[in-house]
Amino acid sequence: MNDTNIFKYVIPGDLILMLCALLYAFQILVVNHYLPMVDGLRLSLIQTTVEGILATVFMLMLETNTAAALKAALPAILFAGIMSSGVAYTFQIIGQKGLKPAVASLLMCLESVFAAIGGWLFQGQVLTGRELLGCVLMFSGTVLSLLPAGRRKKK
């Protein structure tokens, strides 16, 4: 096998996922950099405002919109804007204060675990054994990686 172009085997969705992970890591580093200089609430307000402006610009450029479609989507847009972008990122920024970026990113990796548990508790979603095992492995791996090195080496 002499083919050196490994990217021909990569699915476009994988590239998007990798780009999102890189941007998320960049966001954690930016918050870590600016948090000592700016109040967490102010930083969150700036971030959410910029995010809202960019999302609106890209929506107008890339999407075909009608007033009826926007009206129908308004509850979801408001929920995502207020709860996910506003409240959740504000809590993330405030919670990230005083943490090293590596620790913050590890803890934020548990987002999918808590989303799965929240869906099970509040929406009656069913978790398969495989999904429960995935949650346990993610949680255990995160906790294990956060333990001090000396405690992990004990016999």
C-alpha atoms as a PDB file:
ATOM      1  CA  MET A   1       0.000   0.000   0.000  1.00  0.00           C
ATOM      2  CA  ASN A   2       1.937   3.006  -1.290  1.00  0.00           C
ATOM      3  CA  ASP A   3      -0.931   5.458  -1.039  1.00  0.00           C
ATOM      4  CA  THR A   4       0.192   8.279   1.270  1.00  0.00           C
ATOM      5  CA  ASN A   5      -3.002  10.340   1.010  1.00  0.00           C
ATOM      6  CA  ILE A   6      -4.665   9.291   4.258  1.00  0.00           C
ATOM      7  CA  PHE A   7      -7.271  12.048   3.935  1.00  0.00           C
ATOM      8  CA  LYS A   8      -9.087  10.186   1.169  1.00  0.00           C
ATOM      9  CA  TYR A   9     -10.292   7.778   3.879  1.00  0.00           C
ATOM     10  CA  VAL A  10     -11.609  10.537   6.132  1.00  0.00           C
ATOM     11  CA  ILE A  11     -15.328  11.235   6.029  1.00  0.00           C
ATOM     12  CA  PRO A  12     -16.194  14.954   5.651  1.00  0.00           C
ATOM     13  CA  GLY A  13     -18.185  14.738   8.889  1.00  0.00           C
ATOM     14  CA  ASP A  14     -15.036  13.638  10.693  1.00  0.00           C
ATOM     15  CA  LEU A  15     -13.244  16.756   9.477  1.00  0.00           C
ATOM     16  CA  ILE A  16     -16.089  18.920  10.745  1.00  0.00           C
ATOM     17  CA  LEU A  17     -15.960  17.142  14.108  1.00  0.00           C
ATOM     18  CA  MET A  18     -12.191  17.644  14.310  1.00  0.00           C
ATOM     19  CA  LEU A  19     -12.570  21.330  13.451  1.00  0.00           C
ATOM     20  CA  CYS A  20     -15.214  21.699  16.177  1.00  0.00           C
ATOM     21  CA  ALA A  21     -12.910  20.027  18.722  1.00  0.00           C
ATOM     22  CA  LEU A  22     -10.052  22.351  17.775  1.00  0.00           C
ATOM     23  CA  LEU A  23     -12.291  25.412  18.024  1.00  0.00           C
ATOM     24  CA  TYR A  24     -13.617  24.225  21.388  1.00  0.00           C
ATOM     25  CA  ALA A  25     -10.058  23.815  22.664  1.00  0.00           C
ATOM     26  CA  PHE A  26      -9.243  27.286  21.320  1.00  0.00           C
ATOM     27  CA  GLN A  27     -12.288  28.679  23.151  1.00  0.00           C
ATOM     28  CA  ILE A  28     -11.105  27.121  26.430  1.00  0.00           C
ATOM     29  CA  LEU A  29      -7.636  28.649  25.952  1.00  0.00           C
ATOM     30  CA  VAL A  30      -9.083  32.081  25.075  1.00  0.00           C
ATOM     31  CA  VAL A  31     -11.296  32.031  28.173  1.00  0.00           C
ATOM     32  CA  ASN A  32      -8.298  30.996  30.276  1.00  0.00           C
ATOM     33  CA  HIS A  33      -6.275  33.882  28.834  1.00  0.00           C
ATOM     34  CA  TYR A  34      -8.877  36.640  29.267  1.00  0.00           C
ATOM     35  CA  LEU A  35     -10.601  35.521  32.479  1.00  0.00           C
ATOM     36  CA  PRO A  36      -7.994  37.078  34.797  1.00  0.00           C
ATOM     37  CA  MET A  37      -8.441  40.420  32.966  1.00  0.00           C
ATOM     38  CA  VAL A  38     -12.240  40.546  32.631  1.00  0.00           C
ATOM     39  CA  ASP A  39     -15.165  39.621  34.877  1.00  0.00           C
ATOM     40  CA  GLY A  40     -16.649  36.229  33.943  1.00  0.00           C
ATOM     41  CA  LEU A  41     -20.130  37.661  33.324  1.00  0.00           C
ATOM     42  CA  ARG A  42     -18.738  40.385  31.069  1.00  0.00           C
ATOM     43  CA  LEU A  43     -16.637  37.852  29.154  1.00  0.00           C
ATOM     44  CA  SER A  44     -19.689  35.644  28.701  1.00  0.00           C
ATOM     45  CA  LEU A  45     -21.770  38.593  27.478  1.00  0.00           C
ATOM     46  CA  ILE A  46     -19.081  39.534  24.948  1.00  0.00           C
ATOM     47  CA  GLN A  47     -18.746  35.939  23.766  1.00  0.00           C
ATOM     48  CA  THR A  48     -22.508  35.417  23.445  1.00  0.00           C
ATOM     49  CA  THR A  49     -22.985  38.709  21.600  1.00  0.00           C
ATOM     50  CA  VAL A  50     -20.244  37.914  19.077  1.00  0.00           C
ATOM     51  CA  GLU A  51     -21.622  34.388  18.680  1.00  0.00           C
ATOM     52  CA  GLY A  52     -25.131  35.740  18.039  1.00  0.00           C
ATOM     53  CA  ILE A  53     -23.921  38.244  15.466  1.00  0.00           C
ATOM     54  CA  LEU A  54     -21.841  35.636  13.614  1.00  0.00           C
ATOM     55  CA  ALA A  55     -24.666  33.088  13.670  1.00  0.00           C
ATOM     56  CA  THR A  56     -27.101  35.651  12.264  1.00  0.00           C
ATOM     57  CA  VAL A  57     -24.700  36.709   9.502  1.00  0.00           C
ATOM     58  CA  PHE A  58     -24.034  33.100   8.457  1.00  0.00           C
ATOM     59  CA  MET A  59     -27.744  32.262   8.648  1.00  0.00           C
ATOM     60  CA  LEU A  60     -28.566  35.125   6.286  1.00  0.00           C
ATOM     61  CA  MET A  61     -25.708  34.181   3.935  1.00  0.00           C
ATOM     62  CA  LEU A  62     -26.076  30.408   3.835  1.00  0.00           C
ATOM     63  CA  GLU A  63     -29.691  29.565   4.614  1.00  0.00           C
ATOM     64  CA  THR A  64     -32.927  30.066   2.718  1.00  0.00           C
ATOM     65  CA  ASN A  65     -35.220  31.708   5.237  1.00  0.00           C
ATOM     66  CA  THR A  66     -38.869  32.634   5.312  1.00  0.00           C
ATOM     67  CA  ALA A  67     -40.727  34.525   7.975  1.00  0.00           C
ATOM     68  CA  ALA A  68     -42.874  31.443   8.642  1.00  0.00           C
ATOM     69  CA  ALA A  69     -39.811  29.203   9.066  1.00  0.00           C
ATOM     70  CA  LEU A  70     -38.154  31.678  11.444  1.00  0.00           C
ATOM     71  CA  LYS A  71     -41.384  32.007  13.434  1.00  0.00           C
ATOM     72  CA  ALA A  72     -41.684  28.219  13.710  1.00  0.00           C
ATOM     73  CA  ALA A  73     -38.050  27.886  14.786  1.00  0.00           C
ATOM     74  CA  LEU A  74     -38.125  30.831  17.213  1.00  0.00           C
ATOM     75  CA  PRO A  75     -38.700  28.758  20.401  1.00  0.00           C
ATOM     76  CA  ALA A  76     -35.736  26.490  19.563  1.00  0.00           C
ATOM     77  CA  ILE A  77     -33.578  29.479  18.577  1.00  0.00           C
ATOM     78  CA  LEU A  78     -34.395  31.292  21.825  1.00  0.00           C
ATOM     79  CA  PHE A  79     -33.825  28.186  23.949  1.00  0.00           C
ATOM     80  CA  ALA A  80     -30.467  27.482  22.317  1.00  0.00           C
ATOM     81  CA  GLY A  81     -29.458  31.131  22.506  1.00  0.00           C
ATOM     82  CA  ILE A  82     -30.514  31.740  26.085  1.00  0.00           C
ATOM     83  CA  MET A  83     -29.910  28.388  27.778  1.00  0.00           C
ATOM     84  CA  SER A  84     -27.050  26.824  25.794  1.00  0.00           C
ATOM     85  CA  SER A  85     -25.118  29.875  24.753  1.00  0.00           C
ATOM     86  CA  GLY A  86     -26.085  32.265  27.521  1.00  0.00           C
ATOM     87  CA  VAL A  87     -26.527  30.283  30.722  1.00  0.00           C
ATOM     88  CA  ALA A  88     -24.351  27.230  30.008  1.00  0.00           C
ATOM     89  CA  TYR A  89     -21.360  29.186  28.703  1.00  0.00           C
ATOM     90  CA  THR A  90     -21.657  31.644  31.581  1.00  0.00           C
ATOM     91  CA  PHE A  91     -21.479  28.745  34.040  1.00  0.00           C
ATOM     92  CA  GLN A  92     -18.574  27.272  32.070  1.00  0.00           C
ATOM     93  CA  ILE A  93     -16.626  30.523  32.170  1.00  0.00           C
ATOM     94  CA  ILE A  94     -17.274  31.090  35.872  1.00  0.00           C
ATOM     95  CA  GLY A  95     -16.434  27.442  36.635  1.00  0.00           C
ATOM     96  CA  GLN A  96     -13.259  27.576  34.563  1.00  0.00           C
ATOM     97  CA  LYS A  97     -11.801  30.364  36.692  1.00  0.00           C
ATOM     98  CA  GLY A  98      -8.883  28.995  38.653  1.00  0.00           C
ATOM     99  CA  LEU A  99      -8.618  25.757  36.658  1.00  0.00           C
ATOM    100  CA  LYS A 100      -5.815  24.824  34.341  1.00  0.00           C
ATOM    101  CA  PRO A 101      -7.023  24.565  30.726  1.00  0.00           C
ATOM    102  CA  ALA A 102      -6.215  20.832  30.574  1.00  0.00           C
ATOM    103  CA  VAL A 103      -8.326  20.130  33.665  1.00  0.00           C
ATOM    104  CA  ALA A 104     -11.154  22.311  32.365  1.00  0.00           C
ATOM    105  CA  SER A 105     -11.184  20.513  29.024  1.00  0.00           C
ATOM    106  CA  LEU A 106     -11.208  17.100  30.700  1.00  0.00           C
ATOM    107  CA  LEU A 107     -14.139  18.065  32.897  1.00  0.00           C
ATOM    108  CA  MET A 108     -15.995  19.477  29.909  1.00  0.00           C
ATOM    109  CA  CYS A 109     -15.541  16.159  28.119  1.00  0.00           C
ATOM    110  CA  LEU A 110     -18.199  14.872  30.499  1.00  0.00           C
ATOM    111  CA  GLU A 111     -20.817  17.025  28.753  1.00  0.00           C
ATOM    112  CA  SER A 112     -22.045  14.058  26.699  1.00  0.00           C
ATOM    113  CA  VAL A 113     -22.287  11.869  29.812  1.00  0.00           C
ATOM    114  CA  PHE A 114     -24.429  14.433  31.626  1.00  0.00           C
ATOM    115  CA  ALA A 115     -26.518  15.015  28.488  1.00  0.00           C
ATOM    116  CA  ALA A 116     -27.250  11.279  28.281  1.00  0.00           C
ATOM    117  CA  ILE A 117     -28.111  11.118  31.990  1.00  0.00           C
ATOM    118  CA  GLY A 118     -30.257  14.254  31.686  1.00  0.00           C
ATOM    119  CA  GLY A 119     -32.131  12.775  28.722  1.00  0.00           C
ATOM    120  CA  TRP A 120     -32.742   9.631  30.748  1.00  0.00           C
ATOM    121  CA  LEU A 121     -33.903  11.510  33.868  1.00  0.00           C
ATOM    122  CA  PHE A 122     -35.908  14.345  32.341  1.00  0.00           C
ATOM    123  CA  GLN A 123     -37.057  13.089  28.947  1.00  0.00           C
ATOM    124  CA  GLY A 124     -37.565   9.406  29.610  1.00  0.00           C
ATOM    125  CA  GLN A 125     -34.947   8.384  27.056  1.00  0.00           C
ATOM    126  CA  VAL A 126     -33.734   4.811  27.302  1.00  0.00           C
ATOM    127  CA  LEU A 127     -30.021   4.110  27.574  1.00  0.00           C
ATOM    128  CA  THR A 128     -28.799   0.797  26.243  1.00  0.00           C
ATOM    129  CA  GLY A 129     -26.212  -1.220  28.118  1.00  0.00           C
ATOM    130  CA  ARG A 130     -23.595  -0.079  25.631  1.00  0.00           C
ATOM    131  CA  GLU A 131     -24.499   3.570  26.212  1.00  0.00           C
ATOM    132  CA  LEU A 132     -24.415   3.117  29.996  1.00  0.00           C
ATOM    133  CA  LEU A 133     -21.029   1.414  29.700  1.00  0.00           C
ATOM    134  CA  GLY A 134     -19.805   4.336  27.586  1.00  0.00           C
ATOM    135  CA  CYS A 135     -20.942   6.794  30.276  1.00  0.00           C
ATOM    136  CA  VAL A 136     -19.199   4.781  32.996  1.00  0.00           C
ATOM    137  CA  LEU A 137     -15.990   4.531  30.956  1.00  0.00           C
ATOM    138  CA  MET A 138     -15.986   8.260  30.102  1.00  0.00           C
ATOM    139  CA  PHE A 139     -16.635   9.232  33.723  1.00  0.00           C
ATOM    140  CA  SER A 140     -14.072   6.756  35.110  1.00  0.00           C
ATOM    141  CA  GLY A 141     -11.423   7.763  32.586  1.00  0.00           C
ATOM    142  CA  THR A 142     -11.912  11.438  33.341  1.00  0.00           C
ATOM    143  CA  VAL A 143     -11.762  10.935  37.111  1.00  0.00           C
ATOM    144  CA  LEU A 144      -8.720   8.669  36.785  1.00  0.00           C
ATOM    145  CA  SER A 145      -6.877  11.174  34.608  1.00  0.00           C
ATOM    146  CA  LEU A 146      -7.525  13.929  37.157  1.00  0.00           C
ATOM    147  CA  LEU A 147      -6.068  11.992  40.082  1.00  0.00           C
ATOM    148  CA  PRO A 148      -2.592  13.081  41.146  1.00  0.00           C
ATOM    149  CA  ALA A 149       0.127  10.815  39.732  1.00  0.00           C
ATOM    150  CA  GLY A 150       1.192   9.606  43.191  1.00  0.00           C
ATOM    151  CA  ARG A 151      -2.280   8.331  44.055  1.00  0.00           C
ATOM    152  CA  ARG A 152      -2.564   6.389  40.779  1.00  0.00           C
ATOM    153  CA  LYS A 153       0.739   4.547  41.380  1.00  0.00           C
ATOM    154  CA  LYS A 154      -0.236   3.154  44.807  1.00  0.00           C
ATOM    155  CA  LYS A 155      -0.367  -0.647  44.963  1.00  0.00           C
END
